[in-house]
């Protein structure tokens, strides 16, 4: 199990990024959250099996088709044990 903090920069707000992120996280059986930040980035914390978190992080580097990811930053965090994945 692992938990990642992911920060995504680019054209990632106003394109449904958070909702597609939640859908992908649920497909990968992850828990955590996604939220827009005032600086225009998207902030994610995702927790689950290593392979599922890695698959999800790879998807985040691309995002939905109408987004444009310019930069992604990932760092590991201690496990928290959320019960679902939510949009904040």
PDB file of N, CA and C in Angstrom:
ATOM      1  N   UNK A   1       0.846  -1.180   0.000  1.00  0.00           N
ATOM      2  CA  UNK A   1       0.000   0.000   0.000  1.00  0.00           C
ATOM      3  C   UNK A   1       0.889   1.240   0.000  1.00  0.00           C
ATOM      4  N   UNK A   2       0.388   2.273  -0.695  1.00  0.00           N
ATOM      5  CA  UNK A   2       1.074   3.554  -0.625  1.00  0.00           C
ATOM      6  C   UNK A   2       0.102   4.692  -0.878  1.00  0.00           C
ATOM      7  N   UNK A   3       0.545   5.883  -0.490  1.00  0.00           N
ATOM      8  CA  UNK A   3      -0.239   7.101  -0.674  1.00  0.00           C
ATOM      9  C   UNK A   3       0.650   8.110  -1.384  1.00  0.00           C
ATOM     10  N   UNK A   4       0.124   8.703  -2.444  1.00  0.00           N
ATOM     11  CA  UNK A   4       0.852   9.718  -3.190  1.00  0.00           C
ATOM     12  C   UNK A   4       0.137  11.049  -3.121  1.00  0.00           C
ATOM     13  N   UNK A   5       0.919  12.097  -3.022  1.00  0.00           N
ATOM     14  CA  UNK A   5       0.441  13.455  -3.256  1.00  0.00           C
ATOM     15  C   UNK A   5       0.855  13.780  -4.684  1.00  0.00           C
ATOM     16  N   UNK A   6      -0.089  14.244  -5.481  1.00  0.00           N
ATOM     17  CA  UNK A   6       0.174  14.568  -6.878  1.00  0.00           C
ATOM     18  C   UNK A   6      -0.307  15.992  -7.124  1.00  0.00           C
ATOM     19  N   UNK A   7       0.574  16.819  -7.687  1.00  0.00           N
ATOM     20  CA  UNK A   7       0.205  18.183  -8.066  1.00  0.00           C
ATOM     21  C   UNK A   7       0.363  18.282  -9.576  1.00  0.00           C
ATOM     22  N   UNK A   8      -0.705  18.728 -10.245  1.00  0.00           N
ATOM     23  CA  UNK A   8      -0.716  18.787 -11.699  1.00  0.00           C
ATOM     24  C   UNK A   8      -0.899  20.234 -12.127  1.00  0.00           C
ATOM     25  N   UNK A   9      -0.039  20.661 -13.034  1.00  0.00           N
ATOM     26  CA  UNK A   9      -0.110  22.029 -13.557  1.00  0.00           C
ATOM     27  C   UNK A   9      -0.313  21.990 -15.069  1.00  0.00           C
ATOM     28  N   UNK A  10      -0.981  23.005 -15.573  1.00  0.00           N
ATOM     29  CA  UNK A  10      -1.267  23.115 -16.997  1.00  0.00           C
ATOM     30  C   UNK A  10      -2.701  23.582 -17.172  1.00  0.00           C
ATOM     31  N   UNK A  11      -3.317  23.183 -18.270  1.00  0.00           N
ATOM     32  CA  UNK A  11      -4.739  23.485 -18.480  1.00  0.00           C
ATOM     33  C   UNK A  11      -5.525  22.348 -17.828  1.00  0.00           C
ATOM     34  N   UNK A  12      -5.728  22.481 -16.516  1.00  0.00           N
ATOM     35  CA  UNK A  12      -6.325  21.389 -15.739  1.00  0.00           C
ATOM     36  C   UNK A  12      -7.533  21.826 -14.922  1.00  0.00           C
ATOM     37  N   UNK A  13      -7.890  23.097 -14.991  1.00  0.00           N
ATOM     38  CA  UNK A  13      -9.110  23.556 -14.329  1.00  0.00           C
ATOM     39  C   UNK A  13     -10.089  24.007 -15.404  1.00  0.00           C
ATOM     40  N   UNK A  14     -11.378  23.763 -15.153  1.00  0.00           N
ATOM     41  CA  UNK A  14     -12.407  24.155 -16.103  1.00  0.00           C
ATOM     42  C   UNK A  14     -12.578  23.178 -17.249  1.00  0.00           C
ATOM     43  N   UNK A  15     -11.975  21.984 -17.122  1.00  0.00           N
ATOM     44  CA  UNK A  15     -12.064  20.972 -18.186  1.00  0.00           C
ATOM     45  C   UNK A  15     -12.581  19.631 -17.657  1.00  0.00           C
ATOM     46  N   UNK A  16     -13.117  19.614 -16.441  1.00  0.00           N
ATOM     47  CA  UNK A  16     -13.644  18.379 -15.860  1.00  0.00           C
ATOM     48  C   UNK A  16     -12.583  17.464 -15.284  1.00  0.00           C
ATOM     49  N   UNK A  17     -11.376  17.994 -15.088  1.00  0.00           N
ATOM     50  CA  UNK A  17     -10.262  17.165 -14.627  1.00  0.00           C
ATOM     51  C   UNK A  17     -10.579  16.458 -13.316  1.00  0.00           C
ATOM     52  N   UNK A  18     -11.165  17.154 -12.348  1.00  0.00           N
ATOM     53  CA  UNK A  18     -11.434  16.540 -11.040  1.00  0.00           C
ATOM     54  C   UNK A  18     -12.412  15.375 -11.150  1.00  0.00           C
ATOM     55  N   UNK A  19     -13.426  15.527 -11.971  1.00  0.00           N
ATOM     56  CA  UNK A  19     -14.441  14.477 -12.079  1.00  0.00           C
ATOM     57  C   UNK A  19     -13.908  13.251 -12.807  1.00  0.00           C
ATOM     58  N   UNK A  20     -13.092  13.458 -13.837  1.00  0.00           N
ATOM     59  CA  UNK A  20     -12.466  12.324 -14.502  1.00  0.00           C
ATOM     60  C   UNK A  20     -11.419  11.673 -13.604  1.00  0.00           C
ATOM     61  N   UNK A  21     -10.781  12.484 -12.772  1.00  0.00           N
ATOM     62  CA  UNK A  21      -9.810  11.944 -11.811  1.00  0.00           C
ATOM     63  C   UNK A  21     -10.510  11.026 -10.813  1.00  0.00           C
ATOM     64  N   UNK A  22     -11.665  11.462 -10.297  1.00  0.00           N
ATOM     65  CA  UNK A  22     -12.410  10.610  -9.369  1.00  0.00           C
ATOM     66  C   UNK A  22     -12.820   9.304 -10.050  1.00  0.00           C
ATOM     67  N   UNK A  23     -13.297   9.393 -11.284  1.00  0.00           N
ATOM     68  CA  UNK A  23     -13.701   8.180 -12.016  1.00  0.00           C
ATOM     69  C   UNK A  23     -12.528   7.215 -12.160  1.00  0.00           C
ATOM     70  N   UNK A  24     -11.362   7.736 -12.553  1.00  0.00           N
ATOM     71  CA  UNK A  24     -10.182   6.884 -12.725  1.00  0.00           C
ATOM     72  C   UNK A  24      -9.732   6.307 -11.383  1.00  0.00           C
ATOM     73  N   UNK A  25      -9.774   7.116 -10.319  1.00  0.00           N
ATOM     74  CA  UNK A  25      -9.385   6.630  -8.990  1.00  0.00           C
ATOM     75  C   UNK A  25     -10.299   5.494  -8.552  1.00  0.00           C
ATOM     76  N   UNK A  26     -11.594   5.636  -8.803  1.00  0.00           N
ATOM     77  CA  UNK A  26     -12.532   4.573  -8.434  1.00  0.00           C
ATOM     78  C   UNK A  26     -12.279   3.318  -9.268  1.00  0.00           C
ATOM     79  N   UNK A  27     -11.959   3.469 -10.555  1.00  0.00           N
ATOM     80  CA  UNK A  27     -11.617   2.314 -11.396  1.00  0.00           C
ATOM     81  C   UNK A  27     -10.383   1.588 -10.854  1.00  0.00           C
ATOM     82  N   UNK A  28      -9.457   2.359 -10.281  1.00  0.00           N
ATOM     83  CA  UNK A  28      -8.219   1.790  -9.729  1.00  0.00           C
ATOM     84  C   UNK A  28      -8.369   1.376  -8.266  1.00  0.00           C
ATOM     85  N   UNK A  29      -9.576   1.493  -7.712  1.00  0.00           N
ATOM     86  CA  UNK A  29      -9.859   1.113  -6.321  1.00  0.00           C
ATOM     87  C   UNK A  29      -9.036   1.919  -5.322  1.00  0.00           C
ATOM     88  N   UNK A  30      -8.930   3.219  -5.566  1.00  0.00           N
ATOM     89  CA  UNK A  30      -8.166   4.102  -4.692  1.00  0.00           C
ATOM     90  C   UNK A  30      -9.087   4.929  -3.814  1.00  0.00           C
ATOM     91  N   UNK A  31      -8.554   5.413  -2.719  1.00  0.00           N
ATOM     92  CA  UNK A  31      -9.251   6.344  -1.836  1.00  0.00           C
ATOM     93  C   UNK A  31      -8.413   7.614  -1.741  1.00  0.00           C
ATOM     94  N   UNK A  32      -9.057   8.710  -1.331  1.00  0.00           N
ATOM     95  CA  UNK A  32      -8.353   9.978  -1.204  1.00  0.00           C
ATOM     96  C   UNK A  32      -9.230  11.115  -1.682  1.00  0.00           C
ATOM     97  N   UNK A  33      -8.608  12.112  -2.316  1.00  0.00           N
ATOM     98  CA  UNK A  33      -9.378  13.259  -2.793  1.00  0.00           C
ATOM     99  C   UNK A  33      -8.641  14.001  -3.898  1.00  0.00           C
ATOM    100  N   UNK A  34      -9.391  14.843  -4.601  1.00  0.00           N
ATOM    101  CA  UNK A  34      -8.858  15.743  -5.618  1.00  0.00           C
ATOM    102  C   UNK A  34      -9.502  17.106  -5.414  1.00  0.00           C
ATOM    103  N   UNK A  35      -8.721  18.170  -5.608  1.00  0.00           N
ATOM    104  CA  UNK A  35      -9.260  19.514  -5.451  1.00  0.00           C
ATOM    105  C   UNK A  35      -8.494  20.504  -6.322  1.00  0.00           C
ATOM    106  N   UNK A  36      -9.189  21.567  -6.727  1.00  0.00           N
ATOM    107  CA  UNK A  36      -8.540  22.666  -7.430  1.00  0.00           C
ATOM    108  C   UNK A  36      -7.848  23.552  -6.411  1.00  0.00           C
ATOM    109  N   UNK A  37      -6.708  24.110  -6.801  1.00  0.00           N
ATOM    110  CA  UNK A  37      -5.985  25.055  -5.955  1.00  0.00           C
ATOM    111  C   UNK A  37      -6.095  26.457  -6.569  1.00  0.00           C
ATOM    112  N   UNK A  38      -6.009  27.497  -5.747  1.00  0.00           N
ATOM    113  CA  UNK A  38      -6.131  28.864  -6.254  1.00  0.00           C
ATOM    114  C   UNK A  38      -5.090  29.230  -7.320  1.00  0.00           C
ATOM    115  N   UNK A  39      -3.951  28.553  -7.328  1.00  0.00           N
ATOM    116  CA  UNK A  39      -2.906  28.867  -8.316  1.00  0.00           C
ATOM    117  C   UNK A  39      -3.168  28.237  -9.685  1.00  0.00           C
ATOM    118  N   UNK A  40      -4.317  27.550  -9.854  1.00  0.00           N
ATOM    119  CA  UNK A  40      -4.669  26.941 -11.133  1.00  0.00           C
ATOM    120  C   UNK A  40      -4.263  25.484 -11.266  1.00  0.00           C
ATOM    121  N   UNK A  41      -3.621  24.936 -10.253  1.00  0.00           N
ATOM    122  CA  UNK A  41      -3.215  23.525 -10.291  1.00  0.00           C
ATOM    123  C   UNK A  41      -4.320  22.639  -9.728  1.00  0.00           C
ATOM    124  N   UNK A  42      -4.136  21.342  -9.900  1.00  0.00           N
ATOM    125  CA  UNK A  42      -5.013  20.341  -9.297  1.00  0.00           C
ATOM    126  C   UNK A  42      -4.169  19.557  -8.293  1.00  0.00           C
ATOM    127  N   UNK A  43      -4.708  19.379  -7.089  1.00  0.00           N
ATOM    128  CA  UNK A  43      -4.025  18.700  -5.988  1.00  0.00           C
ATOM    129  C   UNK A  43      -4.751  17.398  -5.701  1.00  0.00           C
ATOM    130  N   UNK A  44      -3.994  16.298  -5.635  1.00  0.00           N
ATOM    131  CA  UNK A  44      -4.569  14.970  -5.423  1.00  0.00           C
ATOM    132  C   UNK A  44      -3.802  14.260  -4.316  1.00  0.00           C
ATOM    133  N   UNK A  45      -4.537  13.541  -3.474  1.00  0.00           N
ATOM    134  CA  UNK A  45      -3.938  12.541  -2.592  1.00  0.00           C
ATOM    135  C   UNK A  45      -4.661  11.243  -2.885  1.00  0.00           C
ATOM    136  N   UNK A  46      -3.893  10.217  -3.242  1.00  0.00           N
ATOM    137  CA  UNK A  46      -4.468   8.933  -3.628  1.00  0.00           C
ATOM    138  C   UNK A  46      -3.753   7.804  -2.898  1.00  0.00           C
ATOM    139  N   UNK A  47      -4.540   6.859  -2.369  1.00  0.00           N
ATOM    140  CA  UNK A  47      -4.011   5.760  -1.571  1.00  0.00           C
ATOM    141  C   UNK A  47      -4.592   4.443  -2.051  1.00  0.00           C
ATOM    142  N   UNK A  48      -3.738   3.425  -2.112  1.00  0.00           N
ATOM    143  CA  UNK A  48      -4.182   2.097  -2.504  1.00  0.00           C
ATOM    144  C   UNK A  48      -2.994   1.179  -2.726  1.00  0.00           C
ATOM    145  N   UNK A  49      -3.254   0.073  -3.404  1.00  0.00           N
ATOM    146  CA  UNK A  49      -2.176  -0.861  -3.733  1.00  0.00           C
ATOM    147  C   UNK A  49      -1.154  -0.161  -4.635  1.00  0.00           C
ATOM    148  N   UNK A  50       0.117  -0.508  -4.463  1.00  0.00           N
ATOM    149  CA  UNK A  50       1.194   0.154  -5.212  1.00  0.00           C
ATOM    150  C   UNK A  50       0.925   0.195  -6.714  1.00  0.00           C
ATOM    151  N   UNK A  51       0.582  -0.936  -7.294  1.00  0.00           N
ATOM    152  CA  UNK A  51       0.392  -0.998  -8.745  1.00  0.00           C
ATOM    153  C   UNK A  51      -0.769  -0.111  -9.198  1.00  0.00           C
ATOM    154  N   UNK A  52      -1.830  -0.059  -8.384  1.00  0.00           N
ATOM    155  CA  UNK A  52      -2.985   0.772  -8.722  1.00  0.00           C
ATOM    156  C   UNK A  52      -2.646   2.260  -8.613  1.00  0.00           C
ATOM    157  N   UNK A  53      -1.900   2.634  -7.591  1.00  0.00           N
ATOM    158  CA  UNK A  53      -1.488   4.032  -7.425  1.00  0.00           C
ATOM    159  C   UNK A  53      -0.571   4.441  -8.580  1.00  0.00           C
ATOM    160  N   UNK A  54       0.335   3.555  -8.966  1.00  0.00           N
ATOM    161  CA  UNK A  54       1.240   3.869 -10.080  1.00  0.00           C
ATOM    162  C   UNK A  54       0.489   4.006 -11.393  1.00  0.00           C
ATOM    163  N   UNK A  55      -0.476   3.136 -11.641  1.00  0.00           N
ATOM    164  CA  UNK A  55      -1.309   3.228 -12.853  1.00  0.00           C
ATOM    165  C   UNK A  55      -2.067   4.545 -12.871  1.00  0.00           C
ATOM    166  N   UNK A  56      -2.626   4.913 -11.735  1.00  0.00           N
ATOM    167  CA  UNK A  56      -3.365   6.168 -11.603  1.00  0.00           C
ATOM    168  C   UNK A  56      -2.449   7.371 -11.849  1.00  0.00           C
ATOM    169  N   UNK A  57      -1.254   7.357 -11.267  1.00  0.00           N
ATOM    170  CA  UNK A  57      -0.311   8.470 -11.445  1.00  0.00           C
ATOM    171  C   UNK A  57       0.082   8.611 -12.913  1.00  0.00           C
ATOM    172  N   UNK A  58       0.248   7.491 -13.613  1.00  0.00           N
ATOM    173  CA  UNK A  58       0.551   7.539 -15.051  1.00  0.00           C
ATOM    174  C   UNK A  58      -0.596   8.198 -15.809  1.00  0.00           C
ATOM    175  N   UNK A  59      -1.844   7.862 -15.444  1.00  0.00           N
ATOM    176  CA  UNK A  59      -3.004   8.483 -16.086  1.00  0.00           C
ATOM    177  C   UNK A  59      -3.013   9.992 -15.809  1.00  0.00           C
ATOM    178  N   UNK A  60      -2.709  10.389 -14.574  1.00  0.00           N
ATOM    179  CA  UNK A  60      -2.704  11.806 -14.213  1.00  0.00           C
ATOM    180  C   UNK A  60      -1.719  12.611 -15.060  1.00  0.00           C
ATOM    181  N   UNK A  61      -0.633  11.992 -15.471  1.00  0.00           N
ATOM    182  CA  UNK A  61       0.355  12.681 -16.301  1.00  0.00           C
ATOM    183  C   UNK A  61      -0.213  13.025 -17.681  1.00  0.00           C
ATOM    184  N   UNK A  62      -1.281  12.328 -18.086  1.00  0.00           N
ATOM    185  CA  UNK A  62      -1.950  12.607 -19.360  1.00  0.00           C
ATOM    186  C   UNK A  62      -3.237  13.390 -19.149  1.00  0.00           C
ATOM    187  N   UNK A  63      -4.056  12.957 -18.196  1.00  0.00           N
ATOM    188  CA  UNK A  63      -5.329  13.604 -17.905  1.00  0.00           C
ATOM    189  C   UNK A  63      -6.362  13.319 -18.984  1.00  0.00           C
ATOM    190  N   UNK A  64      -7.568  13.880 -18.831  1.00  0.00           N
ATOM    191  CA  UNK A  64      -8.597  13.702 -19.858  1.00  0.00           C
ATOM    192  C   UNK A  64      -8.182  14.403 -21.147  1.00  0.00           C
ATOM    193  N   UNK A  65      -8.793  14.022 -22.249  1.00  0.00           N
ATOM    194  CA  UNK A  65      -8.313  14.463 -23.566  1.00  0.00           C
ATOM    195  C   UNK A  65      -8.302  15.975 -23.773  1.00  0.00           C
ATOM    196  N   UNK A  66      -9.197  16.723 -23.144  1.00  0.00           N
ATOM    197  CA  UNK A  66      -9.219  18.171 -23.380  1.00  0.00           C
ATOM    198  C   UNK A  66      -8.384  18.950 -22.378  1.00  0.00           C
ATOM    199  N   UNK A  67      -7.714  18.265 -21.464  1.00  0.00           N
ATOM    200  CA  UNK A  67      -6.782  18.940 -20.560  1.00  0.00           C
ATOM    201  C   UNK A  67      -5.405  18.976 -21.226  1.00  0.00           C
ATOM    202  N   UNK A  68      -4.515  19.740 -20.618  1.00  0.00           N
ATOM    203  CA  UNK A  68      -3.141  19.789 -21.116  1.00  0.00           C
ATOM    204  C   UNK A  68      -2.216  19.839 -19.906  1.00  0.00           C
ATOM    205  N   UNK A  69      -1.664  18.695 -19.558  1.00  0.00           N
ATOM    206  CA  UNK A  69      -0.773  18.599 -18.407  1.00  0.00           C
ATOM    207  C   UNK A  69       0.619  19.068 -18.828  1.00  0.00           C
ATOM    208  N   UNK A  70       1.123  20.080 -18.132  1.00  0.00           N
ATOM    209  CA  UNK A  70       2.461  20.590 -18.420  1.00  0.00           C
ATOM    210  C   UNK A  70       3.490  20.079 -17.421  1.00  0.00           C
ATOM    211  N   UNK A  71       3.048  19.841 -16.176  1.00  0.00           N
ATOM    212  CA  UNK A  71       3.984  19.396 -15.140  1.00  0.00           C
ATOM    213  C   UNK A  71       3.232  18.589 -14.098  1.00  0.00           C
ATOM    214  N   UNK A  72       3.850  17.522 -13.636  1.00  0.00           N
ATOM    215  CA  UNK A  72       3.279  16.709 -12.560  1.00  0.00           C
ATOM    216  C   UNK A  72       4.372  16.487 -11.518  1.00  0.00           C
ATOM    217  N   UNK A  73       4.002  16.698 -10.256  1.00  0.00           N
ATOM    218  CA  UNK A  73       4.920  16.486  -9.143  1.00  0.00           C
ATOM    219  C   UNK A  73       4.302  15.435  -8.230  1.00  0.00           C
ATOM    220  N   UNK A  74       5.091  14.411  -7.877  1.00  0.00           N
ATOM    221  CA  UNK A  74       4.593  13.333  -7.023  1.00  0.00           C
ATOM    222  C   UNK A  74       5.499  13.186  -5.805  1.00  0.00           C
ATOM    223  N   UNK A  75       4.884  12.913  -4.663  1.00  0.00           N
ATOM    224  CA  UNK A  75       5.657  12.587  -3.467  1.00  0.00           C
ATOM    225  C   UNK A  75       4.845  11.632  -2.604  1.00  0.00           C
ATOM    226  N   UNK A  76       5.558  10.727  -1.946  1.00  0.00           N
ATOM    227  CA  UNK A  76       4.884   9.754  -1.079  1.00  0.00           C
ATOM    228  C   UNK A  76       4.542  10.377   0.266  1.00  0.00           C
ATOM    229  N   UNK A  77       3.409   9.946   0.797  1.00  0.00           N
ATOM    230  CA  UNK A  77       2.920  10.394   2.097  1.00  0.00           C
ATOM    231  C   UNK A  77       2.643   9.178   2.975  1.00  0.00           C
ATOM    232  N   UNK A  78       2.539   9.373   4.276  1.00  0.00           N
ATOM    233  CA  UNK A  78       2.114   8.269   5.146  1.00  0.00           C
ATOM    234  C   UNK A  78       0.666   7.871   4.814  1.00  0.00           C
ATOM    235  N   UNK A  79       0.354   6.613   5.003  1.00  0.00           N
ATOM    236  CA  UNK A  79      -1.009   6.130   4.769  1.00  0.00           C
ATOM    237  C   UNK A  79      -1.972   6.792   5.744  1.00  0.00           C
ATOM    238  N   UNK A  80      -3.183   7.094   5.250  1.00  0.00           N
ATOM    239  CA  UNK A  80      -4.186   7.747   6.077  1.00  0.00           C
ATOM    240  C   UNK A  80      -5.369   6.826   6.325  1.00  0.00           C
ATOM    241  N   UNK A  81      -5.802   6.109   5.307  1.00  0.00           N
ATOM    242  CA  UNK A  81      -6.928   5.197   5.479  1.00  0.00           C
ATOM    243  C   UNK A  81      -8.285   5.813   5.189  1.00  0.00           C
ATOM    244  N   UNK A  82      -8.358   6.709   4.190  1.00  0.00           N
ATOM    245  CA  UNK A  82      -9.674   7.220   3.777  1.00  0.00           C
ATOM    246  C   UNK A  82     -10.576   6.054   3.375  1.00  0.00           C
ATOM    247  N   UNK A  83     -11.865   6.317   3.283  1.00  0.00           N
ATOM    248  CA  UNK A  83     -12.805   5.247   2.920  1.00  0.00           C
ATOM    249  C   UNK A  83     -13.365   5.386   1.517  1.00  0.00           C
ATOM    250  N   UNK A  84     -13.138   6.546   0.876  1.00  0.00           N
ATOM    251  CA  UNK A  84     -13.636   6.751  -0.491  1.00  0.00           C
ATOM    252  C   UNK A  84     -12.743   7.782  -1.169  1.00  0.00           C
ATOM    253  N   UNK A  85     -12.996   8.007  -2.467  1.00  0.00           N
ATOM    254  CA  UNK A  85     -12.293   9.049  -3.204  1.00  0.00           C
ATOM    255  C   UNK A  85     -13.301  10.152  -3.497  1.00  0.00           C
ATOM    256  N   UNK A  86     -12.973  11.378  -3.125  1.00  0.00           N
ATOM    257  CA  UNK A  86     -13.937  12.459  -3.275  1.00  0.00           C
ATOM    258  C   UNK A  86     -13.364  13.674  -3.991  1.00  0.00           C
ATOM    259  N   UNK A  87     -14.257  14.433  -4.572  1.00  0.00           N
ATOM    260  CA  UNK A  87     -13.929  15.720  -5.171  1.00  0.00           C
ATOM    261  C   UNK A  87     -14.197  16.776  -4.114  1.00  0.00           C
ATOM    262  N   UNK A  88     -13.227  17.594  -3.864  1.00  0.00           N
ATOM    263  CA  UNK A  88     -13.386  18.666  -2.863  1.00  0.00           C
ATOM    264  C   UNK A  88     -13.434  20.008  -3.560  1.00  0.00           C
TER     265      UNK A  88
END
